[in-house]
Amino acid sequence: MRTATIVVILTTAWFGGVRATQAQPASVPVDLSQPPAREPVDIGGVPTALEELLAYAERHAPAIAVATAELQLAQADAGAAAPLLPDNAAVQISLGQRRAVAGGTGLDAQLQLLQPIEIGGQRRQRRGVAALSRASRERALDRTRWELHQQLHAGYRQAIAARERAVLTRQLASVAEQLLDIARRRARANDLAPLVVRIAEAEAAQARQRAVGALQDYRSVCLQLAELSGWQQAAPPEPVGDLPTPRHAPTLDELMQIALDHNVDLQWLRASATEAAARARLAARDAWPDPAIGLQYGYEGATSAGGAQHIVMGVLQLPIPSAALNQEARARTTAEQSVAETRTDARAAVLLARIERLRTSVDAAAARVAAFGEDVLPRFAENLSMVREAFALGEYDILRVSVALERFLSVQQQALDAYVDYFNAVAELELQLGREIWPGEEGS
């Protein structure tokens, strides 16, 4: 009796599900002879070549604008070196009455003009500091410009990969909808259980949300390019072209030679260390006393003892360097010089290991892409078509179809992730080199 009840319940569920399936609106039959369409992705952006984006960023990027404005900070040192004399001249006037012992009074007056001068060549050193300050800030501008160049370069390639991922997920969503249509038709023909239709509906919904997420990821990468480049339009820049073919990096010796000649970080640190050393020398020279030279004119009024007298004398005033020896500035600049030189040495010490680490990362990522083969991404549509046909002919059940689709999508994602890792590794390596590995070539 219990067994019969179960049979009745299952039979009722079967035919009830069939009726529910038959209630679905009719759809156009799927043409199994045609592969899934590869629909282009459109976010309403502006197709922009990489060279155009880099040129636009050179003119409008916020990071470059700030670094360019910081060049004006060197004007402070140039202003300090401009005056010919270290300080203004001083005038001293003295007036008083003189009383003679023999009787009588007279008016005495003194006028003294003193001009401080520098005898240690401080002005020449200040002019040198101003020039080095300008040079170090120019190296900082070069560093900012190159970092932005590499960020845009890597981001542009990542946008191409994100666009490809969005296209693939849209293809998968289209096939999932076709599989759902096939499941409904087979269910109406009593060839499938209603549960299979429910599973197909869930698979289609999951594929749609993946497509939405991939499209948003692509839009986000394009908007990041807009942020970095200072893009002034509402529509973000979109990349053009396809994924470049990865290449293996040059040898370590070749890369080290490039890095030693062009590494912008090392050039900036060296310029900063040179500037710090010049400031330390200037602070030590500023401890020298600044003598003053001038003239003194004296007038002694007439008294009953004699007539008026005029006295003119040269004056040399020399401070005694006994206490104030510019200790604070000397200690600070000496410490800054030591820190700058240590930073430069530390940066140079790790350059070899860092270049080798990034070089092997480029080679490993290129090998990962090669492991998938050149036919992995193009055959995605063919694989989806085969799965769709197998399900339509009843060769695959819905669970095997689901596993196959997940597997194909996972392989595509891994291939695209390998591309992204390759782009990031190349960008990091070129950041350390200070120039492109393959100038003007697509593989870079």
Protein backbone atom coordinates (compact mmCIF):
# COMPACT_ATOMS: atom_id res chain seq x y z
CA MET A 1 0.00 0.00 0.00
CA ARG A 2 2.84 2.36 0.82
CA THR A 3 4.56 1.56 -2.49
CA ALA A 4 1.41 2.30 -4.49
CA THR A 5 1.05 5.68 -2.81
CA ILE A 6 4.57 6.64 -3.79
CA VAL A 7 3.91 5.64 -7.39
CA VAL A 8 0.79 7.77 -7.51
CA ILE A 9 2.61 10.78 -6.07
CA LEU A 10 5.49 10.47 -8.54
CA THR A 11 3.11 10.00 -11.44
CA THR A 12 1.15 13.08 -10.41
CA ALA A 13 4.32 15.13 -10.09
CA TRP A 14 5.47 13.93 -13.52
CA PHE A 15 2.33 14.89 -15.42
CA GLY A 16 1.87 18.06 -13.36
CA GLY A 17 5.39 19.10 -14.27
CA VAL A 18 4.74 18.28 -17.91
CA ARG A 19 1.64 20.48 -17.89
CA ALA A 20 3.64 23.29 -16.27
CA THR A 21 6.32 22.86 -18.90
CA GLN A 22 3.76 22.87 -21.69
CA ALA A 23 2.53 26.21 -20.36
CA GLN A 24 5.83 27.84 -21.38
CA PRO A 25 5.55 30.06 -24.47
CA ALA A 26 6.70 28.63 -27.76
CA SER A 27 10.18 29.62 -28.94
CA VAL A 28 12.14 29.45 -32.15
CA PRO A 29 13.86 26.06 -32.58
CA VAL A 30 17.62 26.08 -32.08
CA ASP A 31 19.71 25.57 -35.21
CA LEU A 32 22.24 23.00 -34.03
CA SER A 33 24.27 23.36 -37.20
CA GLN A 34 25.34 26.90 -36.27
CA PRO A 35 27.94 27.57 -33.54
CA PRO A 36 27.00 29.96 -30.73
CA ALA A 37 27.21 33.56 -31.89
CA ARG A 38 30.12 35.62 -30.63
CA GLU A 39 28.42 38.88 -29.74
CA PRO A 40 30.66 41.96 -29.30
CA VAL A 41 30.70 43.68 -25.94
CA ASP A 42 29.59 47.29 -25.87
CA ILE A 43 29.65 49.57 -22.82
CA GLY A 44 29.21 52.77 -24.79
CA GLY A 45 32.89 53.68 -24.55
CA VAL A 46 35.28 55.31 -26.99
CA PRO A 47 37.54 52.88 -28.91
CA THR A 48 41.05 54.14 -28.17
CA ALA A 49 44.42 52.80 -29.27
CA LEU A 50 47.09 52.37 -26.62
CA GLU A 51 49.31 55.04 -28.16
CA GLU A 52 46.42 57.52 -28.16
CA LEU A 53 45.65 56.76 -24.51
CA LEU A 54 49.29 57.22 -23.48
CA ALA A 55 49.50 60.53 -25.34
CA TYR A 56 46.26 61.72 -23.73
CA ALA A 57 47.51 60.76 -20.26
CA GLU A 58 50.72 62.70 -20.84
CA ARG A 59 48.62 65.85 -21.20
CA HIS A 60 45.81 65.24 -18.68
CA ALA A 61 46.82 62.61 -16.09
CA PRO A 62 46.42 63.93 -12.50
CA ALA A 63 49.60 62.21 -11.32
CA ILE A 64 51.70 63.95 -13.98
CA ALA A 65 50.01 67.28 -13.26
CA VAL A 66 50.92 67.03 -9.56
CA ALA A 67 54.51 65.95 -10.26
CA THR A 68 54.91 68.80 -12.74
CA ALA A 69 53.60 71.30 -10.20
CA GLU A 70 56.12 70.02 -7.64
CA LEU A 71 58.91 71.25 -9.91
CA GLN A 72 58.08 74.72 -8.62
CA LEU A 73 59.31 73.68 -5.17
CA ALA A 74 62.83 74.01 -6.55
CA GLN A 75 62.19 77.74 -6.99
CA ALA A 76 62.68 78.17 -3.23
CA ASP A 77 66.31 77.09 -3.53
CA ALA A 78 66.77 79.21 -6.65
CA GLY A 79 65.40 82.22 -4.77
CA ALA A 80 67.78 81.62 -1.87
CA ALA A 81 70.73 81.63 -4.27
CA ALA A 82 69.67 84.76 -6.16
CA PRO A 83 70.91 87.58 -3.83
CA LEU A 84 74.49 88.66 -4.41
CA LEU A 85 75.01 89.45 -0.71
CA PRO A 86 73.84 87.35 2.22
CA ASP A 87 72.14 90.15 4.15
CA ASN A 88 71.17 93.79 3.95
CA ALA A 89 73.56 96.57 4.86
CA ALA A 90 73.20 98.15 8.32
CA VAL A 91 73.44 101.87 9.11
CA GLN A 92 74.25 103.11 12.61
CA ILE A 93 73.90 106.79 13.60
CA SER A 94 75.13 108.19 16.91
CA LEU A 95 74.61 111.75 18.22
CA GLY A 96 75.78 113.22 21.51
CA GLN A 97 77.20 116.21 23.33
CA ARG A 98 80.87 116.46 24.23
CA ARG A 99 82.04 118.51 27.15
CA ALA A 100 85.66 119.59 27.24
CA VAL A 101 87.54 119.54 30.54
CA ALA A 102 88.76 123.06 29.89
CA GLY A 103 85.20 124.13 29.42
CA GLY A 104 82.82 124.43 26.55
CA THR A 105 80.53 121.93 24.81
CA GLY A 106 80.21 120.59 21.31
CA LEU A 107 78.08 118.26 19.18
CA ASP A 108 79.54 114.88 18.20
CA ALA A 109 78.05 112.61 15.52
CA GLN A 110 78.98 109.23 14.06
CA LEU A 111 77.65 107.47 10.96
CA GLN A 112 78.56 103.83 10.34
CA LEU A 113 77.64 101.71 7.28
CA LEU A 114 78.33 97.95 7.44
CA GLN A 115 77.69 95.31 4.75
CA PRO A 116 77.92 91.60 5.69
CA ILE A 117 79.76 89.48 3.13
CA GLU A 118 80.40 85.75 2.69
CA ILE A 119 83.93 84.50 2.36
CA GLY A 120 83.24 80.75 2.04
CA GLY A 121 81.64 80.63 -1.41
CA GLN A 122 78.19 79.95 0.03
CA ARG A 123 76.35 81.65 -2.83
CA ARG A 124 78.01 79.41 -5.38
CA GLN A 125 77.05 76.38 -3.34
CA ARG A 126 73.47 77.58 -2.97
CA ARG A 127 73.22 77.89 -6.73
CA GLY A 128 74.51 74.34 -7.01
CA VAL A 129 71.92 73.12 -4.51
CA ALA A 130 69.17 74.87 -6.49
CA ALA A 131 70.26 73.15 -9.71
CA LEU A 132 70.44 69.75 -8.01
CA SER A 133 67.05 70.29 -6.38
CA ARG A 134 65.55 70.95 -9.79
CA ALA A 135 67.26 67.88 -11.22
CA SER A 136 66.00 65.56 -8.47
CA ARG A 137 62.43 66.78 -8.95
CA GLU A 138 62.74 66.25 -12.68
CA ARG A 139 63.83 62.68 -11.98
CA ALA A 140 60.79 62.33 -9.71
CA LEU A 141 58.62 63.55 -12.60
CA ASP A 142 60.23 60.97 -14.89
CA ARG A 143 59.53 58.31 -12.28
CA THR A 144 55.87 59.29 -12.02
CA ARG A 145 55.52 59.46 -15.79
CA TRP A 146 57.01 55.97 -16.24
CA GLU A 147 54.92 54.43 -13.46
CA LEU A 148 51.79 55.83 -15.10
CA HIS A 149 52.95 54.55 -18.48
CA GLN A 150 53.26 51.02 -17.13
CA GLN A 151 49.97 51.17 -15.24
CA LEU A 152 48.17 52.20 -18.41
CA HIS A 153 50.05 49.62 -20.46
CA ALA A 154 49.12 46.76 -18.12
CA GLY A 155 45.58 48.06 -17.57
CA TYR A 156 45.00 48.29 -21.32
CA ARG A 157 45.98 44.64 -21.81
CA GLN A 158 43.88 43.64 -18.81
CA ALA A 159 40.92 45.42 -20.39
CA ILE A 160 41.36 43.30 -23.53
CA ALA A 161 41.35 40.15 -21.37
CA ALA A 162 38.30 41.38 -19.44
CA ARG A 163 36.50 42.08 -22.72
CA GLU A 164 37.30 38.57 -23.91
CA ARG A 165 35.98 37.15 -20.63
CA ALA A 166 32.76 39.13 -21.05
CA VAL A 167 32.33 37.79 -24.59
CA LEU A 168 32.84 34.21 -23.43
CA THR A 169 30.36 34.50 -20.58
CA ARG A 170 27.79 35.97 -22.97
CA GLN A 171 28.33 33.01 -25.28
CA LEU A 172 27.85 30.67 -22.35
CA ALA A 173 24.67 32.48 -21.32
CA SER A 174 23.33 32.18 -24.87
CA VAL A 175 24.03 28.45 -24.96
CA ALA A 176 22.45 28.03 -21.51
CA GLU A 177 19.27 29.66 -22.84
CA GLN A 178 19.34 27.34 -25.85
CA LEU A 179 19.80 24.33 -23.57
CA LEU A 180 16.82 25.50 -21.54
CA ASP A 181 14.75 25.74 -24.72
CA ILE A 182 15.83 22.23 -25.74
CA ALA A 183 14.95 20.91 -22.27
CA ARG A 184 11.48 22.43 -22.45
CA ARG A 185 10.85 20.94 -25.89
CA ARG A 186 11.98 17.51 -24.79
CA ALA A 187 9.87 17.79 -21.65
CA ARG A 188 6.82 18.66 -23.74
CA ALA A 189 7.53 15.52 -25.71
CA ASN A 190 7.71 13.53 -22.46
CA ASP A 191 11.39 12.88 -23.15
CA LEU A 192 12.66 14.63 -20.00
CA ALA A 193 11.55 14.92 -16.41
CA PRO A 194 10.39 18.37 -15.20
CA LEU A 195 13.26 18.40 -12.73
CA VAL A 196 15.68 18.59 -15.65
CA VAL A 197 13.91 21.75 -16.84
CA ARG A 198 14.26 23.25 -13.39
CA ILE A 199 17.98 22.49 -13.41
CA ALA A 200 18.33 24.01 -16.88
CA GLU A 201 16.52 27.12 -15.67
CA ALA A 202 18.94 27.41 -12.75
CA GLU A 203 21.93 26.95 -15.09
CA ALA A 204 20.61 29.66 -17.41
CA ALA A 205 20.09 32.07 -14.52
CA GLN A 206 23.61 31.41 -13.25
CA ALA A 207 25.04 31.97 -16.73
CA ARG A 208 23.18 35.28 -17.04
CA GLN A 209 24.52 36.60 -13.75
CA ARG A 210 28.04 35.55 -14.77
CA ALA A 211 27.66 37.53 -17.97
CA VAL A 212 26.46 40.58 -16.02
CA GLY A 213 29.39 40.31 -13.61
CA ALA A 214 31.94 39.90 -16.41
CA LEU A 215 30.53 42.92 -18.24
CA GLN A 216 30.80 45.01 -15.07
CA ASP A 217 34.39 43.84 -14.56
CA TYR A 218 35.21 44.99 -18.09
CA ARG A 219 33.52 48.33 -17.49
CA SER A 220 35.45 48.76 -14.21
CA VAL A 221 38.81 48.16 -15.91
CA CYS A 222 37.96 50.72 -18.60
CA LEU A 223 36.92 53.23 -15.94
CA GLN A 224 40.23 52.65 -14.14
CA LEU A 225 41.99 53.58 -17.38
CA ALA A 226 39.88 56.73 -17.45
CA GLU A 227 40.90 57.59 -13.87
CA LEU A 228 44.60 57.07 -14.53
CA SER A 229 44.65 59.03 -17.78
CA GLY A 230 42.48 61.93 -16.59
CA TRP A 231 39.82 61.08 -19.19
CA GLN A 232 37.47 64.04 -19.54
CA GLN A 233 34.61 62.32 -21.38
CA ALA A 234 31.66 60.55 -19.77
CA ALA A 235 32.22 57.46 -21.93
CA PRO A 236 35.40 55.63 -20.84
CA PRO A 237 38.13 54.55 -23.27
CA GLU A 238 37.80 51.03 -24.64
CA PRO A 239 40.74 48.98 -25.94
CA VAL A 240 41.09 47.95 -29.54
CA GLY A 241 42.84 44.89 -30.90
CA ASP A 242 43.22 41.35 -29.64
CA LEU A 243 45.31 39.62 -27.02
CA PRO A 244 49.01 39.76 -28.00
CA THR A 245 51.12 36.64 -28.21
CA PRO A 246 53.25 36.27 -25.05
CA ARG A 247 57.02 36.22 -25.39
CA HIS A 248 59.81 35.06 -23.15
CA ALA A 249 61.95 37.71 -21.49
CA PRO A 250 65.56 38.43 -22.56
CA THR A 251 68.49 37.14 -20.54
CA LEU A 252 69.33 38.47 -17.09
CA ASP A 253 72.52 40.16 -18.33
CA GLU A 254 70.62 42.05 -21.02
CA LEU A 255 67.94 43.15 -18.57
CA MET A 256 70.48 44.26 -15.96
CA GLN A 257 72.30 46.40 -18.52
CA ILE A 258 69.01 48.10 -19.40
CA ALA A 259 68.09 48.59 -15.74
CA LEU A 260 71.44 50.12 -14.79
CA ASP A 261 71.10 52.65 -17.61
CA HIS A 262 67.39 53.47 -17.43
CA ASN A 263 65.93 52.52 -14.03
CA VAL A 264 63.96 55.66 -13.11
CA ASP A 265 63.77 54.77 -9.43
CA LEU A 266 67.53 54.41 -9.15
CA GLN A 267 68.10 57.61 -11.11
CA TRP A 268 65.79 59.51 -8.78
CA LEU A 269 67.49 58.09 -5.67
CA ARG A 270 70.92 58.97 -7.02
CA ALA A 271 69.80 62.52 -7.79
CA SER A 272 68.31 62.82 -4.30
CA ALA A 273 71.55 61.56 -2.71
CA THR A 274 73.59 64.06 -4.73
CA GLU A 275 71.28 66.87 -3.66
CA ALA A 276 71.49 65.79 -0.01
CA ALA A 277 75.30 65.77 -0.15
CA ALA A 278 75.31 69.29 -1.59
CA ARG A 279 72.97 70.50 1.15
CA ALA A 280 75.24 68.99 3.79
CA ARG A 281 78.26 70.81 2.34
CA LEU A 282 76.30 74.06 2.26
CA ALA A 283 75.24 73.67 5.89
CA ALA A 284 78.86 73.10 6.92
CA ARG A 285 79.97 76.15 4.96
CA ASP A 286 77.20 78.27 6.49
CA ALA A 287 78.89 77.73 9.85
CA TRP A 288 81.72 79.99 8.73
CA PRO A 289 81.56 83.53 10.15
CA ASP A 290 80.21 86.25 7.89
CA PRO A 291 82.41 89.36 8.30
CA ALA A 292 81.10 92.84 7.60
CA ILE A 293 82.98 95.65 5.91
CA GLY A 294 82.05 99.32 5.77
CA LEU A 295 82.84 102.94 6.49
CA GLN A 296 82.58 105.08 9.59
CA TYR A 297 82.28 108.84 9.54
CA GLY A 298 82.75 110.87 12.73
CA TYR A 299 82.11 114.53 13.43
CA GLU A 300 83.46 116.21 16.57
CA GLY A 301 82.01 119.63 17.18
CA ALA A 302 84.11 122.68 18.08
CA THR A 303 84.74 123.63 21.69
CA SER A 304 86.66 126.39 23.36
CA ALA A 305 89.64 124.06 23.25
CA GLY A 306 89.64 123.65 19.48
CA GLY A 307 87.73 123.66 16.22
CA ALA A 308 85.47 120.96 14.70
CA GLN A 309 87.00 117.74 13.30
CA HIS A 310 85.87 115.26 10.61
CA ILE A 311 87.03 111.65 10.89
CA VAL A 312 86.56 108.91 8.19
CA MET A 313 87.60 105.30 8.89
CA GLY A 314 87.22 101.92 7.26
CA VAL A 315 85.56 99.21 9.38
CA LEU A 316 86.00 95.43 9.41
CA GLN A 317 83.67 93.48 11.70
CA LEU A 318 84.43 89.80 12.29
CA PRO A 319 82.12 87.55 14.39
CA ILE A 320 83.82 85.13 16.74
CA PRO A 321 82.58 81.56 15.98
CA SER A 322 82.46 80.37 19.55
CA ALA A 323 78.86 79.14 20.07
CA ALA A 324 76.52 79.36 17.07
CA LEU A 325 78.06 77.08 14.45
CA ASN A 326 74.86 76.08 12.53
CA GLN A 327 74.74 72.84 14.46
CA GLU A 328 71.06 72.05 13.80
CA ALA A 329 71.23 72.42 10.01
CA ARG A 330 74.54 70.55 9.81
CA ALA A 331 73.23 67.62 11.83
CA ARG A 332 69.97 67.45 9.85
CA THR A 333 71.54 67.62 6.41
CA THR A 334 74.23 65.11 7.34
CA ALA A 335 71.56 62.66 8.49
CA GLU A 336 69.52 63.27 5.32
CA GLN A 337 72.60 62.59 3.22
CA SER A 338 73.25 59.34 5.04
CA VAL A 339 69.64 58.21 4.60
CA ALA A 340 69.61 59.10 0.90
CA GLU A 341 72.86 57.25 0.23
CA THR A 342 71.66 54.21 2.18
CA ARG A 343 68.41 54.13 0.20
CA THR A 344 70.34 54.29 -3.06
CA ASP A 345 72.70 51.48 -2.02
CA ALA A 346 69.80 49.34 -0.77
CA ARG A 347 67.88 49.85 -4.00
CA ALA A 348 70.88 48.92 -6.10
CA ALA A 349 71.60 45.87 -3.93
CA VAL A 350 68.19 44.28 -4.54
CA LEU A 351 67.98 45.18 -8.22
CA LEU A 352 69.61 41.97 -9.47
CA ALA A 353 67.38 39.66 -7.44
CA ARG A 354 64.27 41.67 -8.30
CA ILE A 355 65.02 41.64 -12.02
CA GLU A 356 65.60 37.88 -11.94
CA ARG A 357 62.37 37.29 -10.00
CA LEU A 358 60.32 39.32 -12.45
CA ARG A 359 62.09 37.81 -15.46
CA THR A 360 61.18 34.31 -14.33
CA SER A 361 57.63 35.48 -13.64
CA VAL A 362 57.33 36.66 -17.24
CA ASP A 363 58.68 33.37 -18.55
CA ALA A 364 56.41 31.32 -16.29
CA ALA A 365 53.31 33.27 -17.31
CA ALA A 366 54.24 32.95 -20.99
CA ALA A 367 54.69 29.20 -20.51
CA ARG A 368 51.28 28.98 -18.82
CA VAL A 369 49.64 30.68 -21.78
CA ALA A 370 51.49 28.37 -24.18
CA ALA A 371 50.33 25.34 -22.18
CA PHE A 372 46.74 26.09 -23.10
CA GLY A 373 47.68 26.31 -26.75
CA GLU A 374 46.56 28.82 -29.30
CA ASP A 375 43.35 26.88 -29.95
CA VAL A 376 41.88 26.95 -26.44
CA LEU A 377 40.13 30.31 -26.62
CA PRO A 378 38.98 30.05 -30.28
CA ARG A 379 37.54 26.52 -29.72
CA PHE A 380 35.29 27.63 -26.88
CA ALA A 381 32.33 28.18 -29.22
CA GLU A 382 32.94 24.81 -30.86
CA ASN A 383 32.96 23.09 -27.48
CA LEU A 384 29.72 24.77 -26.48
CA SER A 385 28.14 23.69 -29.76
CA MET A 386 29.16 20.08 -29.17
CA VAL A 387 27.68 20.11 -25.67
CA ARG A 388 24.45 21.63 -26.96
CA GLU A 389 24.16 19.02 -29.70
CA ALA A 390 24.90 16.16 -27.31
CA PHE A 391 22.14 17.33 -24.97
CA ALA A 392 19.66 17.78 -27.84
CA LEU A 393 20.34 14.24 -29.05
CA GLY A 394 20.05 12.79 -25.56
CA GLU A 395 23.70 11.73 -25.41
CA TYR A 396 24.35 13.90 -22.32
CA ASP A 397 22.06 14.38 -19.37
CA ILE A 398 21.71 17.80 -17.74
CA LEU A 399 24.24 17.05 -14.99
CA ARG A 400 26.93 16.00 -17.45
CA VAL A 401 26.14 19.08 -19.51
CA SER A 402 26.51 21.28 -16.43
CA VAL A 403 29.86 19.70 -15.56
CA ALA A 404 31.10 20.08 -19.13
CA LEU A 405 30.11 23.75 -19.32
CA GLU A 406 31.76 24.47 -15.96
CA ARG A 407 34.90 22.70 -17.10
CA PHE A 408 35.10 24.55 -20.41
CA LEU A 409 34.49 27.90 -18.72
CA SER A 410 37.07 27.13 -16.04
CA VAL A 411 39.71 26.37 -18.67
CA GLN A 412 38.92 29.63 -20.47
CA GLN A 413 39.16 31.56 -17.20
CA GLN A 414 42.50 29.97 -16.41
CA ALA A 415 43.82 30.87 -19.86
CA LEU A 416 42.70 34.48 -19.47
CA ASP A 417 44.13 34.61 -15.93
CA ALA A 418 47.46 33.45 -17.37
CA TYR A 419 47.31 36.31 -19.87
CA VAL A 420 46.59 38.81 -17.08
CA ASP A 421 49.47 37.44 -14.99
CA TYR A 422 51.72 37.79 -18.02
CA PHE A 423 50.69 41.41 -18.57
CA ASN A 424 51.26 42.24 -14.90
CA ALA A 425 54.66 40.52 -14.87
CA VAL A 426 55.78 42.39 -17.99
CA ALA A 427 54.58 45.70 -16.53
CA GLU A 428 56.43 45.12 -13.24
CA LEU A 429 59.59 44.11 -15.06
CA GLU A 430 59.48 47.14 -17.34
CA LEU A 431 58.88 49.34 -14.31
CA GLN A 432 62.22 48.17 -12.95
CA LEU A 433 63.96 48.49 -16.31
CA GLY A 434 62.86 52.05 -17.00
CA ARG A 435 61.91 51.30 -20.62
CA GLU A 436 59.91 48.75 -22.58
CA ILE A 437 61.40 45.30 -23.11
CA TRP A 438 60.28 45.20 -26.73
CA PRO A 439 59.87 48.86 -27.77
CA GLY A 440 57.07 49.39 -30.25
CA GLU A 441 56.14 45.71 -30.44
CA GLU A 442 52.73 44.28 -29.65
CA GLY A 443 54.10 41.55 -27.43
CA SER A 444 55.18 44.12 -24.88
